[in-house]
PDB file of N, CA and C in Angstrom:
ATOM      1  N   MET A   1      43.951  11.567 123.794  1.00  0.00           N
ATOM      2  CA  MET A   1      44.368  11.355 122.485  1.00  0.00           C
ATOM      3  C   MET A   1      45.765  12.083 122.312  1.00  0.00           C
ATOM      4  N   SER A   2      46.049  13.133 123.022  1.00  0.00           N
ATOM      5  CA  SER A   2      47.324  13.787 122.972  1.00  0.00           C
ATOM      6  C   SER A   2      48.442  13.082 123.618  1.00  0.00           C
ATOM      7  N   CYS A   3      48.095  12.114 124.379  1.00  0.00           N
ATOM      8  CA  CYS A   3      49.076  11.097 125.006  1.00  0.00           C
ATOM      9  C   CYS A   3      49.130   9.858 124.276  1.00  0.00           C
ATOM     10  N   GLY A   4      48.553   9.787 123.067  1.00  0.00           N
ATOM     11  CA  GLY A   4      48.685   8.496 122.300  1.00  0.00           C
ATOM     12  C   GLY A   4      47.772   7.451 122.848  1.00  0.00           C
ATOM     13  N   ARG A   5      46.694   7.677 123.341  1.00  0.00           N
ATOM     14  CA  ARG A   5      45.819   6.754 123.852  1.00  0.00           C
ATOM     15  C   ARG A   5      44.380   6.813 123.077  1.00  0.00           C
ATOM     16  N   ALA A   6      43.896   5.653 122.814  1.00  0.00           N
ATOM     17  CA  ALA A   6      42.593   5.611 122.083  1.00  0.00           C
ATOM     18  C   ALA A   6      41.665   6.149 123.139  1.00  0.00           C
ATOM     19  N   VAL A   7      40.443   6.649 122.676  1.00  0.00           N
ATOM     20  CA  VAL A   7      39.401   7.124 123.456  1.00  0.00           C
ATOM     21  C   VAL A   7      38.152   6.286 123.306  1.00  0.00           C
ATOM     22  N   LEU A   8      37.329   6.115 124.353  1.00  0.00           N
ATOM     23  CA  LEU A   8      36.249   5.341 124.496  1.00  0.00           C
ATOM     24  C   LEU A   8      35.058   6.368 124.684  1.00  0.00           C
ATOM     25  N   LEU A   9      34.129   6.491 123.791  1.00  0.00           N
ATOM     26  CA  LEU A   9      33.155   7.507 123.879  1.00  0.00           C
ATOM     27  C   LEU A   9      31.779   6.968 123.655  1.00  0.00           C
ATOM     28  N   ALA A  10      30.849   7.732 124.278  1.00  0.00           N
ATOM     29  CA  ALA A  10      29.456   7.591 124.040  1.00  0.00           C
ATOM     30  C   ALA A  10      29.113   8.355 122.676  1.00  0.00           C
ATOM     31  N   ASP A  11      27.950   7.994 122.071  1.00  0.00           N
ATOM     32  CA  ASP A  11      27.558   8.847 120.830  1.00  0.00           C
ATOM     33  C   ASP A  11      27.049  10.217 121.090  1.00  0.00           C
ATOM     34  N   LYS A  12      26.890  10.359 122.317  1.00  0.00           N
ATOM     35  CA  LYS A  12      26.350  11.829 122.652  1.00  0.00           C
ATOM     36  C   LYS A  12      27.647  12.719 122.651  1.00  0.00           C
ATOM     37  N   VAL A  13      28.659  12.446 122.615  1.00  0.00           N
ATOM     38  CA  VAL A  13      29.913  13.218 122.628  1.00  0.00           C
ATOM     39  C   VAL A  13      30.059  13.883 121.276  1.00  0.00           C
ATOM     40  N   ASN A  14      30.075  15.115 121.155  1.00  0.00           N
ATOM     41  CA  ASN A  14      30.028  15.684 119.941  1.00  0.00           C
ATOM     42  C   ASN A  14      31.151  15.112 118.821  1.00  0.00           C
ATOM     43  N   ILE A  15      32.205  14.948 119.150  1.00  0.00           N
ATOM     44  CA  ILE A  15      33.320  14.651 118.327  1.00  0.00           C
ATOM     45  C   ILE A  15      33.472  13.070 118.115  1.00  0.00           C
ATOM     46  N   ALA A  16      32.480  12.306 118.914  1.00  0.00           N
ATOM     47  CA  ALA A  16      32.569  10.789 118.786  1.00  0.00           C
ATOM     48  C   ALA A  16      32.488  10.237 117.383  1.00  0.00           C
ATOM     49  N   PRO A  17      31.620  10.586 116.609  1.00  0.00           N
ATOM     50  CA  PRO A  17      31.632  10.139 115.190  1.00  0.00           C
ATOM     51  C   PRO A  17      32.863  10.221 114.419  1.00  0.00           C
ATOM     52  N   GLU A  18      33.506  11.395 114.444  1.00  0.00           N
ATOM     53  CA  GLU A  18      34.812  11.572 113.770  1.00  0.00           C
ATOM     54  C   GLU A  18      35.929  10.725 114.366  1.00  0.00           C
ATOM     55  N   ILE A  19      35.933  10.533 115.626  1.00  0.00           N
ATOM     56  CA  ILE A  19      37.159  10.014 116.382  1.00  0.00           C
ATOM     57  C   ILE A  19      36.898   8.299 115.942  1.00  0.00           C
ATOM     58  N   ALA A  20      35.629   7.922 115.876  1.00  0.00           N
ATOM     59  CA  ALA A  20      35.466   6.526 115.511  1.00  0.00           C
ATOM     60  C   ALA A  20      35.609   6.183 114.084  1.00  0.00           C
ATOM     61  N   ALA A  21      35.350   7.178 113.135  1.00  0.00           N
ATOM     62  CA  ALA A  21      35.719   7.154 111.899  1.00  0.00           C
ATOM     63  C   ALA A  21      37.003   7.113 111.609  1.00  0.00           C
ATOM     64  N   ASP A  22      37.795   7.804 112.168  1.00  0.00           N
ATOM     65  CA  ASP A  22      39.208   8.014 112.129  1.00  0.00           C
ATOM     66  C   ASP A  22      40.101   6.720 112.726  1.00  0.00           C
ATOM     67  N   GLY A  23      39.415   5.974 113.313  1.00  0.00           N
ATOM     68  CA  GLY A  23      40.114   4.781 113.897  1.00  0.00           C
ATOM     69  C   GLY A  23      40.810   5.267 115.167  1.00  0.00           C
ATOM     70  N   ALA A  24      40.360   6.273 115.840  1.00  0.00           N
ATOM     71  CA  ALA A  24      41.169   6.774 116.928  1.00  0.00           C
ATOM     72  C   ALA A  24      40.546   6.373 118.326  1.00  0.00           C
ATOM     73  N   GLY A  25      39.467   5.690 118.249  1.00  0.00           N
ATOM     74  CA  GLY A  25      38.651   5.200 119.466  1.00  0.00           C
ATOM     75  C   GLY A  25      37.431   4.535 119.121  1.00  0.00           C
ATOM     76  N   LEU A  26      36.706   4.131 120.194  1.00  0.00           N
ATOM     77  CA  LEU A  26      35.416   3.297 119.872  1.00  0.00           C
ATOM     78  C   LEU A  26      34.242   4.252 120.394  1.00  0.00           C
ATOM     79  N   MET A  27      33.131   4.124 119.640  1.00  0.00           N
ATOM     80  CA  MET A  27      31.983   4.879 119.990  1.00  0.00           C
ATOM     81  C   MET A  27      30.821   3.776 120.253  1.00  0.00           C
ATOM     82  N   VAL A  28      29.989   4.098 121.155  1.00  0.00           N
ATOM     83  CA  VAL A  28      28.685   3.329 121.503  1.00  0.00           C
ATOM     84  C   VAL A  28      27.636   4.103 121.969  1.00  0.00           C
ATOM     85  N   PRO A  29      26.293   3.506 121.840  1.00  0.00           N
ATOM     86  CA  PRO A  29      25.149   4.178 122.123  1.00  0.00           C
ATOM     87  C   PRO A  29      25.407   4.639 123.682  1.00  0.00           C
ATOM     88  N   ASP A  30      24.927   5.713 124.003  1.00  0.00           N
ATOM     89  CA  ASP A  30      25.061   6.259 125.576  1.00  0.00           C
ATOM     90  C   ASP A  30      23.947   5.543 126.294  1.00  0.00           C
ATOM     91  N   THR A  31      23.982   4.308 126.579  1.00  0.00           N
ATOM     92  CA  THR A  31      23.316   3.507 127.526  1.00  0.00           C
ATOM     93  C   THR A  31      24.004   2.595 128.252  1.00  0.00           C
ATOM     94  N   GLN A  32      23.557   2.055 129.314  1.00  0.00           N
ATOM     95  CA  GLN A  32      24.353   1.099 130.120  1.00  0.00           C
ATOM     96  C   GLN A  32      24.817  -0.050 129.314  1.00  0.00           C
ATOM     97  N   GLN A  33      23.813  -0.774 128.515  1.00  0.00           N
ATOM     98  CA  GLN A  33      24.252  -1.839 127.628  1.00  0.00           C
ATOM     99  C   GLN A  33      25.427  -1.260 126.711  1.00  0.00           C
ATOM    100  N   GLY A  34      25.341  -0.103 126.116  1.00  0.00           N
ATOM    101  CA  GLY A  34      26.522   0.462 125.275  1.00  0.00           C
ATOM    102  C   GLY A  34      27.790   0.493 126.156  1.00  0.00           C
ATOM    103  N   THR A  35      27.784   0.974 127.294  1.00  0.00           N
ATOM    104  CA  THR A  35      29.072   1.181 128.054  1.00  0.00           C
ATOM    105  C   THR A  35      29.516  -0.342 128.566  1.00  0.00           C
ATOM    106  N   ASP A  36      28.605  -1.112 128.787  1.00  0.00           N
ATOM    107  CA  ASP A  36      29.032  -2.599 128.990  1.00  0.00           C
ATOM    108  C   ASP A  36      29.691  -3.083 127.776  1.00  0.00           C
ATOM    109  N   SER A  37      29.150  -2.934 126.778  1.00  0.00           N
ATOM    110  CA  SER A  37      29.689  -3.673 125.558  1.00  0.00           C
ATOM    111  C   SER A  37      31.036  -2.929 125.189  1.00  0.00           C
ATOM    112  N   LEU A  38      31.203  -1.658 125.412  1.00  0.00           N
ATOM    113  CA  LEU A  38      32.370  -0.771 125.201  1.00  0.00           C
ATOM    114  C   LEU A  38      33.494  -1.375 126.150  1.00  0.00           C
ATOM    115  N   VAL A  39      33.348  -1.453 127.351  1.00  0.00           N
ATOM    116  CA  VAL A  39      34.323  -2.045 128.158  1.00  0.00           C
ATOM    117  C   VAL A  39      34.805  -3.448 127.703  1.00  0.00           C
ATOM    118  N   ARG A  40      33.804  -4.257 127.552  1.00  0.00           N
ATOM    119  CA  ARG A  40      34.048  -5.674 127.208  1.00  0.00           C
ATOM    120  C   ARG A  40      34.907  -5.695 125.940  1.00  0.00           C
ATOM    121  N   ASP A  41      34.493  -4.857 124.729  1.00  0.00           N
ATOM    122  CA  ASP A  41      35.215  -4.999 123.617  1.00  0.00           C
ATOM    123  C   ASP A  41      36.585  -4.331 123.886  1.00  0.00           C
ATOM    124  N   TRP A  42      36.762  -3.467 124.555  1.00  0.00           N
ATOM    125  CA  TRP A  42      38.018  -2.931 124.917  1.00  0.00           C
ATOM    126  C   TRP A  42      39.043  -3.822 125.421  1.00  0.00           C
ATOM    127  N   ILE A  43      38.492  -4.548 126.526  1.00  0.00           N
ATOM    128  CA  ILE A  43      39.321  -5.616 127.279  1.00  0.00           C
ATOM    129  C   ILE A  43      39.510  -6.691 126.334  1.00  0.00           C
ATOM    130  N   GLU A  44      38.790  -7.096 125.550  1.00  0.00           N
ATOM    131  CA  GLU A  44      38.971  -8.208 124.552  1.00  0.00           C
ATOM    132  C   GLU A  44      39.851  -7.903 123.327  1.00  0.00           C
ATOM    133  N   MET A  45      39.883  -6.525 123.112  1.00  0.00           N
ATOM    134  CA  MET A  45      40.675  -6.198 121.917  1.00  0.00           C
ATOM    135  C   MET A  45      42.074  -6.674 122.028  1.00  0.00           C
ATOM    136  N   PRO A  46      42.858  -7.235 121.102  1.00  0.00           N
ATOM    137  CA  PRO A  46      44.183  -7.759 121.107  1.00  0.00           C
ATOM    138  C   PRO A  46      45.085  -6.353 121.420  1.00  0.00           C
ATOM    139  N   VAL A  47      46.121  -6.607 122.127  1.00  0.00           N
ATOM    140  CA  VAL A  47      46.936  -5.328 122.615  1.00  0.00           C
ATOM    141  C   VAL A  47      47.681  -4.648 121.399  1.00  0.00           C
ATOM    142  N   PRO A  48      47.958  -5.459 120.327  1.00  0.00           N
ATOM    143  CA  PRO A  48      48.531  -4.611 119.133  1.00  0.00           C
ATOM    144  C   PRO A  48      47.372  -3.771 118.613  1.00  0.00           C
ATOM    145  N   GLN A  49      46.199  -4.208 118.377  1.00  0.00           N
ATOM    146  CA  GLN A  49      45.206  -3.467 117.893  1.00  0.00           C
ATOM    147  C   GLN A  49      44.849  -2.214 118.805  1.00  0.00           C
ATOM    148  N   ARG A  50      44.922  -2.335 120.034  1.00  0.00           N
ATOM    149  CA  ARG A  50      44.773  -1.172 121.056  1.00  0.00           C
ATOM    150  C   ARG A  50      45.932  -0.107 120.755  1.00  0.00           C
ATOM    151  N   GLU A  51      47.191  -0.643 120.744  1.00  0.00           N
ATOM    152  CA  GLU A  51      48.435   0.188 120.525  1.00  0.00           C
ATOM    153  C   GLU A  51      48.293   1.027 119.192  1.00  0.00           C
ATOM    154  N   ALA A  52      47.779   0.304 118.251  1.00  0.00           N
ATOM    155  CA  ALA A  52      47.694   0.966 116.826  1.00  0.00           C
ATOM    156  C   ALA A  52      46.641   2.004 116.886  1.00  0.00           C
ATOM    157  N   MET A  53      45.469   1.853 117.681  1.00  0.00           N
ATOM    158  CA  MET A  53      44.401   2.820 117.855  1.00  0.00           C
ATOM    159  C   MET A  53      44.943   3.994 118.545  1.00  0.00           C
ATOM    160  N   GLY A  54      45.787   3.639 119.525  1.00  0.00           N
ATOM    161  CA  GLY A  54      46.569   4.807 120.153  1.00  0.00           C
ATOM    162  C   GLY A  54      47.421   5.645 119.539  1.00  0.00           C
ATOM    163  N   ARG A  55      48.275   5.006 118.651  1.00  0.00           N
ATOM    164  CA  ARG A  55      49.032   5.710 117.740  1.00  0.00           C
ATOM    165  C   ARG A  55      48.209   6.520 116.675  1.00  0.00           C
ATOM    166  N   ARG A  56      46.956   6.010 116.263  1.00  0.00           N
ATOM    167  CA  ARG A  56      46.231   6.865 115.333  1.00  0.00           C
ATOM    168  C   ARG A  56      45.485   7.912 116.143  1.00  0.00           C
ATOM    169  N   ALA A  57      45.062   7.750 117.442  1.00  0.00           N
ATOM    170  CA  ALA A  57      44.676   8.793 118.317  1.00  0.00           C
ATOM    171  C   ALA A  57      45.520  10.164 118.227  1.00  0.00           C
ATOM    172  N   LEU A  58      46.821   9.862 118.534  1.00  0.00           N
ATOM    173  CA  LEU A  58      47.939  10.868 118.446  1.00  0.00           C
ATOM    174  C   LEU A  58      47.836  11.681 117.118  1.00  0.00           C
ATOM    175  N   GLU A  59      47.934  10.892 116.005  1.00  0.00           N
ATOM    176  CA  GLU A  59      47.820  11.460 114.664  1.00  0.00           C
ATOM    177  C   GLU A  59      46.645  12.309 114.445  1.00  0.00           C
ATOM    178  N   VAL A  60      45.554  11.883 114.920  1.00  0.00           N
ATOM    179  CA  VAL A  60      44.283  12.463 114.739  1.00  0.00           C
ATOM    180  C   VAL A  60      44.253  13.745 115.632  1.00  0.00           C
ATOM    181  N   PHE A  61      44.874  13.767 116.890  1.00  0.00           N
ATOM    182  CA  PHE A  61      44.859  14.927 117.694  1.00  0.00           C
ATOM    183  C   PHE A  61      45.683  15.907 116.997  1.00  0.00           C
ATOM    184  N   TYR A  62      46.728  15.658 116.498  1.00  0.00           N
ATOM    185  CA  TYR A  62      47.669  16.703 115.853  1.00  0.00           C
ATOM    186  C   TYR A  62      46.799  17.149 114.717  1.00  0.00           C
ATOM    187  N   ALA A  63      46.313  16.339 113.868  1.00  0.00           N
ATOM    188  CA  ALA A  63      45.481  16.800 112.685  1.00  0.00           C
ATOM    189  C   ALA A  63      44.461  17.738 112.878  1.00  0.00           C
ATOM    190  N   ARG A  64      43.521  17.368 113.976  1.00  0.00           N
ATOM    191  CA  ARG A  64      42.161  18.020 114.222  1.00  0.00           C
ATOM    192  C   ARG A  64      42.026  18.867 115.346  1.00  0.00           C
ATOM    193  N   TYR A  65      42.794  18.634 116.518  1.00  0.00           N
ATOM    194  CA  TYR A  65      42.574  19.256 117.730  1.00  0.00           C
ATOM    195  C   TYR A  65      43.719  20.059 118.421  1.00  0.00           C
ATOM    196  N   ASP A  66      44.888  20.028 117.819  1.00  0.00           N
ATOM    197  CA  ASP A  66      45.995  20.602 118.409  1.00  0.00           C
ATOM    198  C   ASP A  66      45.659  22.100 118.019  1.00  0.00           C
ATOM    199  N   MET A  67      45.897  23.007 119.098  1.00  0.00           N
ATOM    200  CA  MET A  67      45.654  24.384 118.894  1.00  0.00           C
ATOM    201  C   MET A  67      46.624  25.162 117.925  1.00  0.00           C
ATOM    202  N   ARG A  68      47.884  24.429 117.908  1.00  0.00           N
ATOM    203  CA  ARG A  68      48.792  25.108 117.111  1.00  0.00           C
ATOM    204  C   ARG A  68      48.405  24.742 115.351  1.00  0.00           C
ATOM    205  N   THR A  69      47.823  23.651 115.223  1.00  0.00           N
ATOM    206  CA  THR A  69      47.339  23.398 113.926  1.00  0.00           C
ATOM    207  C   THR A  69      46.133  24.149 113.497  1.00  0.00           C
ATOM    208  N   GLY A  70      45.369  24.449 114.395  1.00  0.00           N
ATOM    209  CA  GLY A  70      44.041  25.418 114.304  1.00  0.00           C
ATOM    210  C   GLY A  70      44.482  26.691 114.089  1.00  0.00           C
ATOM    211  N   ALA A  71      45.462  27.266 114.834  1.00  0.00           N
ATOM    212  CA  ALA A  71      45.992  28.537 114.619  1.00  0.00           C
ATOM    213  C   ALA A  71      46.630  28.858 113.124  1.00  0.00           C
ATOM    214  N   ALA A  72      47.421  27.765 112.772  1.00  0.00           N
ATOM    215  CA  ALA A  72      48.135  27.768 111.532  1.00  0.00           C
ATOM    216  C   ALA A  72      47.114  27.733 110.408  1.00  0.00           C
ATOM    217  N   ALA A  73      45.882  27.080 110.556  1.00  0.00           N
ATOM    218  CA  ALA A  73      44.902  27.081 109.524  1.00  0.00           C
ATOM    219  C   ALA A  73      44.253  28.486 109.370  1.00  0.00           C
ATOM    220  N   ILE A  74      44.040  29.052 110.613  1.00  0.00           N
ATOM    221  CA  ILE A  74      43.439  30.395 110.490  1.00  0.00           C
ATOM    222  C   ILE A  74      44.379  31.508 109.874  1.00  0.00           C
ATOM    223  N   PHE A  75      45.626  31.448 110.248  1.00  0.00           N
ATOM    224  CA  PHE A  75      46.453  32.314 109.585  1.00  0.00           C
ATOM    225  C   PHE A  75      46.626  32.125 108.175  1.00  0.00           C
ATOM    226  N   HIS A  76      46.396  30.792 107.571  1.00  0.00           N
ATOM    227  CA  HIS A  76      46.453  30.493 106.232  1.00  0.00           C
ATOM    228  C   HIS A  76      45.143  31.171 105.654  1.00  0.00           C
ATOM    229  N   LEU A  77      44.086  31.054 106.331  1.00  0.00           N
ATOM    230  CA  LEU A  77      42.743  31.604 105.787  1.00  0.00           C
ATOM    231  C   LEU A  77      42.977  33.054 105.497  1.00  0.00           C
ATOM    232  N   PHE A  78      43.539  33.802 106.566  1.00  0.00           N
ATOM    233  CA  PHE A  78      43.700  35.336 106.455  1.00  0.00           C
ATOM    234  C   PHE A  78      44.689  35.493 105.226  1.00  0.00           C
ATOM    235  N   ASP A  79      45.690  34.829 105.081  1.00  0.00           N
ATOM    236  CA  ASP A  79      46.660  35.038 104.026  1.00  0.00           C
ATOM    237  C   ASP A  79      45.877  34.877 102.693  1.00  0.00           C
ATOM    238  N   ASP A  80      45.105  33.842 102.619  1.00  0.00           N
ATOM    239  CA  ASP A  80      44.208  33.628 101.470  1.00  0.00           C
ATOM    240  C   ASP A  80      43.457  34.807 101.137  1.00  0.00           C
ATOM    241  N   PHE A  81      42.808  35.369 102.044  1.00  0.00           N
ATOM    242  CA  PHE A  81      41.824  36.574 101.719  1.00  0.00           C
ATOM    243  C   PHE A  81      42.288  37.874 101.908  1.00  0.00           C
ATOM    244  N   ALA A  82      43.560  38.045 102.540  1.00  0.00           N
ATOM    245  CA  ALA A  82      44.100  39.427 102.673  1.00  0.00           C
ATOM    246  C   ALA A  82      44.233  39.985 101.188  1.00  0.00           C
ATOM    247  N   PRO A  83      44.160  41.309 101.192  1.00  0.00           N
ATOM    248  CA  PRO A  83      44.403  41.987  99.985  1.00  0.00           C
ATOM    249  C   PRO A  83      46.010  41.814  99.747  1.00  0.00           C
ATOM    250  N   LYS A  84      46.416  41.678  98.534  1.00  0.00           N
ATOM    251  CA  LYS A  84      47.726  41.511  98.179  1.00  0.00           C
ATOM    252  C   LYS A  84      48.312  42.880  98.109  1.00  0.00           C
ATOM    253  N   ALA A  85      49.698  42.973  98.363  1.00  0.00           N
ATOM    254  CA  ALA A  85      50.362  44.344  98.404  1.00  0.00           C
ATOM    255  C   ALA A  85      50.098  44.861  97.026  1.00  0.00           C
ATOM    256  N   GLY A  86      49.887  46.207  96.915  1.00  0.00           N
ATOM    257  CA  GLY A  86      49.877  46.823  95.588  1.00  0.00           C
ATOM    258  C   GLY A  86      48.415  46.602  94.917  1.00  0.00           C
ATOM    259  N   SER A  87      47.580  45.716  95.413  1.00  0.00           N
ATOM    260  CA  SER A  87      46.162  45.628  94.702  1.00  0.00           C
ATOM    261  C   SER A  87      45.112  46.325  95.663  1.00  0.00           C
ATOM    262  N   ARG A  88      43.963  46.614  94.946  1.00  0.00           N
ATOM    263  CA  ARG A  88      43.020  47.225  95.671  1.00  0.00           C
ATOM    264  C   ARG A  88      41.646  46.542  95.243  1.00  0.00           C
TER     265      ARG A  88
END
């Protein structure tokens, strides 16, 4: 995702439902049939659609999984709950 590539995932991967819902990849059941259909669907997918999914994967990576984004969110939480100067 961080390289701007869509991901192909089995439903047993913890983040697979979010990735699929965000349009950043494809998710299938964790079976041989699921894997076969995943590869087939990817190969048959038009290149512009694959490229769009890759762009979306990069956006989703930065929004959800980039450590800098996560660290910034944690700092904001600390700021929101830290006592304000002069208050008790």
